[in-house]
């Protein structure tokens, strides 16, 4: 715990397109892999992972703040789903 009462938390946000949303990057990868000799690959989905450290008073506060970040900036809640992982750093 820091002198101001906060702790550091390691955060990982995984963002993926919602089911049913077109994924042109995933489709391109899926079409290209057989040409490189990788057969049997299907349902390719492309997403993003965002890792950072966050100072917060407790884990619940950290999770709440990260979910707010996701809604406002890190993801598009209309077309993307997020998975938030928070652990003491």
Protein backbone atom coordinates (compact mmCIF):
# COMPACT_ATOMS: atom_id res chain seq x y z
CA UNK A 1 0.00 0.00 0.00
CA UNK A 2 1.25 3.45 -0.86
CA UNK A 3 1.33 6.32 1.61
CA UNK A 4 -1.88 7.76 0.12
CA UNK A 5 -3.83 4.55 0.83
CA UNK A 6 -3.76 3.21 -2.72
CA UNK A 7 -2.38 -0.05 -4.06
CA UNK A 8 -1.17 -0.96 -7.53
CA UNK A 9 -3.21 -3.41 -9.57
CA UNK A 10 -2.17 -5.20 -12.74
CA UNK A 11 -4.98 -4.90 -15.26
CA UNK A 12 -5.64 -6.84 -18.45
CA UNK A 13 -8.55 -5.89 -20.68
CA UNK A 14 -9.37 -8.28 -23.52
CA UNK A 15 -11.62 -6.81 -26.21
CA UNK A 16 -13.32 -8.95 -28.86
CA UNK A 17 -16.05 -8.35 -31.36
CA UNK A 18 -19.48 -9.56 -30.27
CA UNK A 19 -20.88 -12.73 -31.80
CA UNK A 20 -22.43 -11.97 -35.19
CA UNK A 21 -20.34 -8.85 -35.88
CA UNK A 22 -18.31 -9.07 -39.10
CA UNK A 23 -14.59 -9.58 -38.44
CA UNK A 24 -12.75 -8.81 -41.70
CA UNK A 25 -9.31 -9.29 -40.12
CA UNK A 26 -10.29 -12.69 -38.78
CA UNK A 27 -11.76 -13.66 -42.16
CA UNK A 28 -8.56 -12.64 -43.97
CA UNK A 29 -6.43 -14.70 -41.60
CA UNK A 30 -8.75 -17.68 -41.93
CA UNK A 31 -8.61 -17.54 -45.73
CA UNK A 32 -4.81 -17.08 -45.78
CA UNK A 33 -3.67 -19.84 -43.43
CA UNK A 34 -4.45 -22.78 -45.77
CA UNK A 35 -2.24 -21.19 -48.46
CA UNK A 36 0.60 -21.32 -45.90
CA UNK A 37 -0.04 -24.99 -45.21
CA UNK A 38 -2.20 -24.60 -42.09
CA UNK A 39 -5.39 -26.49 -42.78
CA UNK A 40 -8.21 -27.07 -40.33
CA UNK A 41 -8.26 -23.56 -38.86
CA UNK A 42 -11.72 -22.06 -38.48
CA UNK A 43 -13.68 -19.41 -36.58
CA UNK A 44 -10.72 -17.01 -36.46
CA UNK A 45 -11.44 -13.94 -34.38
CA UNK A 46 -9.17 -10.93 -33.92
CA UNK A 47 -9.26 -8.82 -30.77
CA UNK A 48 -6.95 -6.72 -28.67
CA UNK A 49 -5.37 -6.99 -25.24
CA UNK A 50 -4.61 -3.89 -23.18
CA UNK A 51 -2.31 -4.27 -20.16
CA UNK A 52 -1.64 -1.51 -17.62
CA UNK A 53 -1.10 -0.77 -13.95
CA UNK A 54 -3.69 1.16 -11.97
CA UNK A 55 -3.50 2.73 -8.52
CA UNK A 56 -6.71 2.28 -6.53
CA UNK A 57 -7.82 1.94 -2.92
CA UNK A 58 -9.01 -1.67 -3.37
CA UNK A 59 -9.72 -4.30 -6.03
CA UNK A 60 -13.43 -3.49 -6.26
CA UNK A 61 -12.65 0.18 -6.94
CA UNK A 62 -10.04 -0.79 -9.52
CA UNK A 63 -12.50 -3.07 -11.36
CA UNK A 64 -15.18 -0.40 -11.31
CA UNK A 65 -12.80 2.20 -12.74
CA UNK A 66 -11.58 -0.16 -15.47
CA UNK A 67 -15.15 -1.03 -16.51
CA UNK A 68 -15.87 2.69 -16.75
CA UNK A 69 -12.74 3.16 -18.92
CA UNK A 70 -13.96 0.38 -21.19
CA UNK A 71 -17.41 1.93 -21.61
CA UNK A 72 -15.99 5.41 -22.32
CA UNK A 73 -12.84 4.71 -24.33
CA UNK A 74 -11.21 1.27 -24.49
CA UNK A 75 -14.04 -0.57 -26.24
CA UNK A 76 -17.17 0.06 -28.25
CA UNK A 77 -19.93 -1.45 -26.10
CA UNK A 78 -22.26 -1.67 -29.10
CA UNK A 79 -20.09 -4.14 -31.03
CA UNK A 80 -17.42 -5.36 -28.59
CA UNK A 81 -17.32 -7.48 -25.46
CA UNK A 82 -14.66 -7.05 -22.79
CA UNK A 83 -13.12 -9.30 -20.19
CA UNK A 84 -11.46 -7.44 -17.32
CA UNK A 85 -8.82 -9.07 -15.12
CA UNK A 86 -7.52 -7.19 -12.06
CA UNK A 87 -4.93 -8.51 -9.59
CA UNK A 88 -2.59 -6.94 -7.04
CA UNK A 89 0.61 -5.90 -8.79
